[in-house]
């Protein structure tokens, strides 16, 4: 019995071939389309009559590199659909698209927790064969359905939707429990999925196994505890347009972001070290860091023009601007500045 391939399976990146007319009546093709309908129906049975259906599915997603897609032409973008109209399209080909593009949310079992904002033509017409081998033309009824059809045809060409996003901030991390919230709030979603991690998924490179994931938080927290007294981030030299070397951290006076981002980079929690609080925060958010109301050990603390690491019992670690080295101190700084924001990353919670 067929099922979804792992999102890291590189065969999802391969082109699928067309079916010949003689293949349409074969037992194999019949079993593929039956399996696609079964999977799309969400394993609905007498005990679970209201399980939601999939809006679309392609044969390559279940391990068959053939140009077959399934579309629920009754799909509703706002709610789970309990009365599907599942239609099989064989050898589908786009023959016309609207000039106007629309943005819609997209998600996929073949991309794990990745969802995103994708721009595509708002209307599409396809030519295909039905299950009996008869030629048909189908025109999408709305932009949501247009996106479904194009999304599934992309699968036939080895393309998954994250490759279609136009900005890193359009690639979203959505836990299964948050999916209904995402349906309603995807336009303003601020939990991002790092694009480099999507590329690793595309290349079949699993980021880490579960055992490694369990020991990372402890290593990260222990590393932070050893920072007080270190002056290794006192200097950061860059070359200006005149070829002069400049210490942008001013002998440790402005080293807080350089220190924080360097530690995050060591543990692959950010793309690279940064020299300012602003750019560090921007790239933290792109790497999956999320704002929280209550910090836990290892959280990032932001004050006005300053940042550091939260320990526990309202103690933090940050670079001392006056001394030029890392110190342990309270949440309220000596000059009275109070914390403005806390950030945490899912892998260190």
Protein backbone atom coordinates (compact mmCIF):
# COMPACT_ATOMS: atom_id res chain seq x y z
CA UNK A 1 0.00 0.00 0.00
CA UNK A 2 1.48 3.32 -1.09
CA UNK A 3 2.10 6.29 1.18
CA UNK A 4 3.90 9.62 1.19
CA UNK A 5 7.62 9.67 0.47
CA UNK A 6 9.82 11.29 3.11
CA UNK A 7 10.27 15.03 2.35
CA UNK A 8 14.04 14.38 2.17
CA UNK A 9 13.62 11.79 -0.61
CA UNK A 10 15.52 13.18 -3.60
CA UNK A 11 13.29 11.33 -6.07
CA UNK A 12 10.75 14.11 -5.42
CA UNK A 13 13.06 16.34 -7.49
CA UNK A 14 12.85 14.14 -10.60
CA UNK A 15 10.73 14.57 -13.75
CA UNK A 16 7.76 12.22 -14.20
CA UNK A 17 6.90 10.66 -17.54
CA UNK A 18 3.61 10.73 -19.43
CA UNK A 19 1.36 7.69 -19.60
CA UNK A 20 0.48 6.04 -22.89
CA UNK A 21 -3.18 5.36 -23.70
CA UNK A 22 -2.58 1.64 -23.40
CA UNK A 23 -1.43 2.11 -19.80
CA UNK A 24 -4.61 3.88 -18.68
CA UNK A 25 -6.61 0.67 -18.33
CA UNK A 26 -3.80 -1.25 -16.61
CA UNK A 27 -4.16 -2.66 -13.12
CA UNK A 28 -1.12 -0.68 -11.98
CA UNK A 29 -2.55 2.69 -12.98
CA UNK A 30 -5.90 1.77 -11.42
CA UNK A 31 -4.15 0.89 -8.16
CA UNK A 32 -2.24 4.20 -8.23
CA UNK A 33 -5.36 6.32 -8.69
CA UNK A 34 -7.22 4.27 -6.06
CA UNK A 35 -4.39 4.86 -3.61
CA UNK A 36 -4.35 8.58 -4.41
CA UNK A 37 -8.08 8.82 -3.66
CA UNK A 38 -7.67 6.82 -0.46
CA UNK A 39 -4.84 9.05 0.78
CA UNK A 40 -6.61 12.26 -0.26
CA UNK A 41 -9.73 11.16 1.61
CA UNK A 42 -7.76 11.32 4.84
CA UNK A 43 -8.35 7.64 5.68
CA UNK A 44 -12.01 8.44 6.25
CA UNK A 45 -13.97 5.45 7.54
CA UNK A 46 -17.18 4.68 9.47
CA UNK A 47 -15.58 5.58 12.79
CA UNK A 48 -14.01 8.77 11.43
CA UNK A 49 -16.45 10.10 8.81
CA UNK A 50 -15.34 13.73 9.17
CA UNK A 51 -11.61 13.52 8.61
CA UNK A 52 -10.54 16.33 6.22
CA UNK A 53 -9.36 15.66 2.69
CA UNK A 54 -6.30 16.85 0.81
CA UNK A 55 -6.79 19.69 -1.65
CA UNK A 56 -4.42 18.04 -4.10
CA UNK A 57 -1.99 15.17 -4.61
CA UNK A 58 0.44 13.96 -7.27
CA UNK A 59 1.64 10.46 -8.10
CA UNK A 60 5.35 11.28 -7.50
CA UNK A 61 4.54 12.14 -3.87
CA UNK A 62 3.62 8.50 -3.27
CA UNK A 63 6.55 7.07 -5.18
CA UNK A 64 5.15 6.77 -8.72
CA UNK A 65 6.91 8.96 -11.30
CA UNK A 66 3.93 9.22 -13.62
CA UNK A 67 2.08 12.36 -14.71
CA UNK A 68 -1.06 11.91 -12.64
CA UNK A 69 -2.56 14.50 -10.29
CA UNK A 70 -5.66 14.61 -8.11
CA UNK A 71 -7.52 17.84 -7.30
CA UNK A 72 -10.39 18.44 -4.91
CA UNK A 73 -12.43 20.83 -7.03
CA UNK A 74 -14.63 21.60 -4.01
CA UNK A 75 -11.70 22.70 -1.82
CA UNK A 76 -12.27 25.72 0.42
CA UNK A 77 -9.20 27.74 1.49
CA UNK A 78 -10.67 28.74 4.84
CA UNK A 79 -11.81 25.40 6.30
CA UNK A 80 -11.18 21.66 6.10
CA UNK A 81 -13.32 20.14 3.36
CA UNK A 82 -15.58 17.27 4.44
CA UNK A 83 -17.46 16.92 1.11
CA UNK A 84 -14.73 16.50 -1.48
CA UNK A 85 -15.03 16.23 -5.23
CA UNK A 86 -11.82 14.42 -6.13
CA UNK A 87 -10.91 14.53 -9.81
CA UNK A 88 -8.01 12.67 -11.45
CA UNK A 89 -6.13 14.41 -14.27
CA UNK A 90 -3.70 12.33 -16.37
CA UNK A 91 -0.92 13.93 -18.42
CA UNK A 92 -2.12 17.43 -17.46
CA UNK A 93 -0.72 20.33 -19.44
CA UNK A 94 -1.23 24.06 -18.84
CA UNK A 95 -2.50 25.67 -22.03
CA UNK A 96 -3.54 29.10 -20.74
CA UNK A 97 -2.95 31.30 -17.68
CA UNK A 98 -4.24 34.68 -16.62
CA UNK A 99 -1.91 37.66 -16.82
CA UNK A 100 -2.80 38.61 -13.25
CA UNK A 101 -1.01 36.85 -10.41
CA UNK A 102 -2.41 36.16 -6.96
CA UNK A 103 -0.74 35.26 -3.68
CA UNK A 104 -2.06 32.22 -1.83
CA UNK A 105 -0.85 30.10 1.08
CA UNK A 106 0.57 26.73 0.12
CA UNK A 107 1.63 23.72 2.15
CA UNK A 108 2.59 20.18 1.29
CA UNK A 109 3.10 16.77 2.87
CA UNK A 110 6.29 16.63 0.82
CA UNK A 111 7.80 19.64 2.60
CA UNK A 112 7.08 18.75 6.23
CA UNK A 113 6.37 21.81 8.40
CA UNK A 114 7.09 24.25 5.57
CA UNK A 115 4.24 26.41 4.32
CA UNK A 116 4.49 29.63 2.40
CA UNK A 117 3.16 32.56 0.43
CA UNK A 118 3.36 31.82 -3.29
CA UNK A 119 2.54 33.98 -6.30
CA UNK A 120 1.03 32.24 -9.33
CA UNK A 121 -1.40 33.12 -12.14
CA UNK A 122 -4.84 33.55 -10.61
CA UNK A 123 -6.54 31.46 -13.27
CA UNK A 124 -5.35 28.48 -15.29
CA UNK A 125 -6.74 26.21 -18.00
CA UNK A 126 -5.36 22.71 -18.44
CA UNK A 127 -5.69 19.97 -21.01
CA UNK A 128 -5.61 16.39 -19.68
CA UNK A 129 -7.05 12.91 -19.94
CA UNK A 130 -9.62 11.53 -17.52
CA UNK A 131 -9.43 8.02 -16.07
CA UNK A 132 -11.20 6.62 -19.15
CA UNK A 133 -8.64 8.18 -21.48
CA UNK A 134 -10.98 10.89 -22.80
CA UNK A 135 -9.46 14.32 -23.47
CA UNK A 136 -10.82 17.18 -21.35
CA UNK A 137 -10.28 20.87 -20.74
CA UNK A 138 -10.57 22.24 -17.22
CA UNK A 139 -10.56 25.88 -16.15
CA UNK A 140 -9.96 26.78 -12.51
CA UNK A 141 -12.91 28.36 -10.73
CA UNK A 142 -10.87 30.61 -8.41
CA UNK A 143 -7.30 31.52 -7.51
CA UNK A 144 -7.07 28.92 -4.73
CA UNK A 145 -7.93 26.12 -7.13
CA UNK A 146 -5.58 27.59 -9.71
CA UNK A 147 -2.75 27.37 -7.19
CA UNK A 148 -3.64 23.76 -6.33
CA UNK A 149 -3.52 22.70 -9.98
CA UNK A 150 -0.21 24.46 -10.66
CA UNK A 151 1.26 23.16 -7.39
CA UNK A 152 0.47 19.56 -8.34
CA UNK A 153 1.73 19.91 -11.91
CA UNK A 154 4.96 21.32 -10.47
CA UNK A 155 5.40 18.03 -8.61
CA UNK A 156 5.34 16.23 -11.96
CA UNK A 157 8.32 18.35 -13.03
CA UNK A 158 10.23 17.75 -9.78
CA UNK A 159 9.44 21.21 -8.39
CA UNK A 160 8.15 21.86 -4.87
CA UNK A 161 6.56 25.14 -3.86
CA UNK A 162 9.40 26.52 -1.64
CA UNK A 163 11.37 26.94 -4.86
CA UNK A 164 8.65 29.36 -6.00
CA UNK A 165 8.71 31.75 -3.03
CA UNK A 166 10.07 35.22 -3.72
CA UNK A 167 11.31 36.20 -0.27
CA UNK A 168 12.79 34.35 2.74
CA UNK A 169 9.94 35.87 4.78
CA UNK A 170 7.43 34.07 2.57
CA UNK A 171 8.69 30.68 3.75
CA UNK A 172 6.88 29.78 6.98
CA UNK A 173 7.29 27.21 9.73
CA UNK A 174 3.90 25.80 10.76
CA UNK A 175 3.50 23.13 13.42
CA UNK A 176 0.56 20.75 12.77
CA UNK A 177 -1.28 22.08 15.83
CA UNK A 178 -1.07 25.62 14.44
CA UNK A 179 -2.40 24.88 10.97
CA UNK A 180 -5.89 26.29 11.51
CA UNK A 181 -4.32 29.47 12.89
CA UNK A 182 -2.15 29.59 9.78
CA UNK A 183 -5.21 29.27 7.53
CA UNK A 184 -6.55 32.44 9.10
CA UNK A 185 -3.32 34.38 9.66
CA UNK A 186 -0.87 33.31 6.94
CA UNK A 187 -0.60 36.81 5.49
CA UNK A 188 1.00 38.12 8.69
CA UNK A 189 2.74 34.91 9.86
CA UNK A 190 6.10 35.67 11.50
CA UNK A 191 7.50 32.19 12.12
CA UNK A 192 9.95 31.65 9.31
CA UNK A 193 11.57 28.52 7.92
CA UNK A 194 15.24 29.14 7.01
CA UNK A 195 15.73 28.86 3.27
CA UNK A 196 19.07 27.10 3.70
CA UNK A 197 17.28 24.36 5.65
CA UNK A 198 14.80 23.96 2.79
CA UNK A 199 17.74 23.56 0.41
CA UNK A 200 19.12 20.82 2.65
CA UNK A 201 15.74 19.09 2.54
CA UNK A 202 15.75 19.41 -1.25
CA UNK A 203 19.23 17.86 -1.36
CA UNK A 204 18.16 15.01 0.93
CA UNK A 205 20.42 16.18 3.77
CA UNK A 206 18.68 15.69 7.09
CA UNK A 207 19.74 18.45 9.44
CA UNK A 208 20.01 16.35 12.55
CA UNK A 209 18.69 13.14 14.00
CA UNK A 210 16.56 13.06 17.15
CA UNK A 211 19.42 12.10 19.48
CA UNK A 212 21.49 15.08 18.33
CA UNK A 213 18.46 17.34 18.76
CA UNK A 214 18.16 16.30 22.42
CA UNK A 215 21.73 17.16 23.37
CA UNK A 216 22.02 20.49 21.55
CA UNK A 217 20.17 22.58 24.20
CA UNK A 218 22.47 21.38 27.00
CA UNK A 219 25.63 22.04 24.97
CA UNK A 220 24.37 25.50 24.02
CA UNK A 221 23.43 26.37 27.59
CA UNK A 222 26.74 25.11 29.01
CA UNK A 223 28.65 27.14 26.42
CA UNK A 224 26.80 30.32 27.41
CA UNK A 225 27.66 29.77 31.09
CA UNK A 226 31.39 29.81 30.26
CA UNK A 227 31.27 33.21 28.51
CA UNK A 228 31.70 35.64 31.45
CA UNK A 229 35.19 37.10 31.50
CA UNK A 230 35.83 36.50 27.79
CA UNK A 231 37.12 39.42 25.73
CA UNK A 232 37.40 37.50 22.45
CA UNK A 233 34.72 39.70 20.81
CA UNK A 234 36.43 42.99 21.77
CA UNK A 235 37.56 43.68 18.20
CA UNK A 236 35.99 43.23 14.76
CA UNK A 237 38.04 44.80 12.00
CA UNK A 238 36.68 45.62 8.56
CA UNK A 239 38.22 47.49 5.63
CA UNK A 240 36.50 50.68 4.49
CA UNK A 241 36.38 52.08 0.95
CA UNK A 242 39.75 53.79 1.44
CA UNK A 243 41.41 50.53 2.42
CA UNK A 244 41.70 51.54 6.08
CA UNK A 245 41.09 48.96 8.80
CA UNK A 246 38.36 50.00 11.25
CA UNK A 247 37.37 48.33 14.52
CA UNK A 248 33.56 48.46 14.18
CA UNK A 249 33.08 47.15 17.74
CA UNK A 250 35.17 50.08 19.09
CA UNK A 251 37.37 48.07 21.45
CA UNK A 252 34.42 46.17 22.89
CA UNK A 253 32.08 49.12 23.30
CA UNK A 254 29.72 47.78 20.63
CA UNK A 255 30.41 44.03 20.79
CA UNK A 256 27.10 42.74 22.15
CA UNK A 257 25.58 41.68 18.80
CA UNK A 258 28.89 40.32 17.52
CA UNK A 259 29.18 38.14 20.64
CA UNK A 260 25.57 36.88 20.53
CA UNK A 261 25.48 36.17 16.79
CA UNK A 262 28.87 34.42 16.90
CA UNK A 263 27.63 32.00 19.55
CA UNK A 264 24.41 31.37 17.61
CA UNK A 265 26.47 30.73 14.49
CA UNK A 266 28.56 28.10 16.31
CA UNK A 267 25.37 26.17 17.08
CA UNK A 268 23.87 26.73 13.60
CA UNK A 269 21.10 28.90 15.01
CA UNK A 270 21.79 31.80 12.62
CA UNK A 271 23.33 32.14 9.16
CA UNK A 272 26.49 34.07 10.11
CA UNK A 273 27.86 36.50 12.72
CA UNK A 274 26.62 40.11 12.57
CA UNK A 275 27.90 43.39 13.95
CA UNK A 276 24.63 45.14 14.88
CA UNK A 277 21.61 44.34 17.03
CA UNK A 278 19.25 45.17 14.15
CA UNK A 279 20.78 42.77 11.61
CA UNK A 280 21.25 40.05 14.21
CA UNK A 281 17.55 40.19 15.12
CA UNK A 282 16.48 40.20 11.47
CA UNK A 283 18.53 37.10 10.69
CA UNK A 284 17.46 35.39 13.93
CA UNK A 285 13.83 35.70 12.88
CA UNK A 286 14.66 34.30 9.42
CA UNK A 287 16.38 31.37 11.18
CA UNK A 288 13.25 30.51 13.17
CA UNK A 289 13.69 32.48 16.41
CA UNK A 290 10.33 33.51 17.89
CA UNK A 291 9.26 36.17 20.37
CA UNK A 292 8.08 34.85 23.74
CA UNK A 293 6.62 36.52 26.81
CA UNK A 294 8.59 34.51 29.35
CA UNK A 295 12.25 33.62 28.75
CA UNK A 296 13.88 30.27 29.45
CA UNK A 297 17.56 29.43 29.72
CA UNK A 298 19.33 30.29 26.48
CA UNK A 299 16.77 32.84 25.29
CA UNK A 300 17.99 36.03 23.65
CA UNK A 301 17.23 39.25 25.55
CA UNK A 302 16.99 42.60 23.80
CA UNK A 303 17.31 45.94 25.50
CA UNK A 304 17.48 49.31 23.76
CA UNK A 305 20.69 49.11 21.65
CA UNK A 306 21.88 45.98 23.47
CA UNK A 307 21.38 42.20 23.55
CA UNK A 308 22.50 39.14 25.50
CA UNK A 309 21.62 35.65 26.78
CA UNK A 310 19.13 34.78 29.51
CA UNK A 311 20.38 32.38 32.21
CA UNK A 312 17.82 31.88 34.98
CA UNK A 313 16.46 33.63 38.07
CA UNK A 314 16.49 36.90 36.12
CA UNK A 315 20.23 36.81 35.47
CA UNK A 316 21.67 37.37 32.01
CA UNK A 317 25.01 37.36 30.19
CA UNK A 318 26.02 40.11 27.80
CA UNK A 319 29.02 42.09 26.68
CA UNK A 320 29.92 44.93 29.08
CA UNK A 321 30.26 48.01 26.91
CA UNK A 322 32.43 49.86 29.42
CA UNK A 323 34.84 47.01 30.14
CA UNK A 324 34.85 45.32 26.73
CA UNK A 325 34.30 41.80 28.00
CA UNK A 326 31.36 39.49 28.79
CA UNK A 327 29.74 39.78 32.24
CA UNK A 328 26.88 38.26 34.23
CA UNK A 329 24.30 40.75 35.51
CA UNK A 330 20.61 41.28 36.24
CA UNK A 331 17.80 41.83 33.77
CA UNK A 332 17.68 45.54 34.64
CA UNK A 333 20.93 47.11 33.51
CA UNK A 334 23.00 49.51 35.62
CA UNK A 335 21.74 52.49 33.61
CA UNK A 336 18.10 51.44 34.23
CA UNK A 337 17.36 49.90 30.83
CA UNK A 338 14.79 47.12 31.04
CA UNK A 339 14.39 44.23 28.61
CA UNK A 340 12.14 44.95 25.62
CA UNK A 341 11.89 41.50 24.02
CA UNK A 342 12.76 37.85 24.50
CA UNK A 343 13.40 35.34 21.71
CA UNK A 344 13.64 31.54 21.75
CA UNK A 345 14.45 28.97 19.07
CA UNK A 346 12.35 25.77 18.80
CA UNK A 347 15.45 23.53 19.01
CA UNK A 348 16.53 24.87 22.41
CA UNK A 349 13.17 24.99 24.17
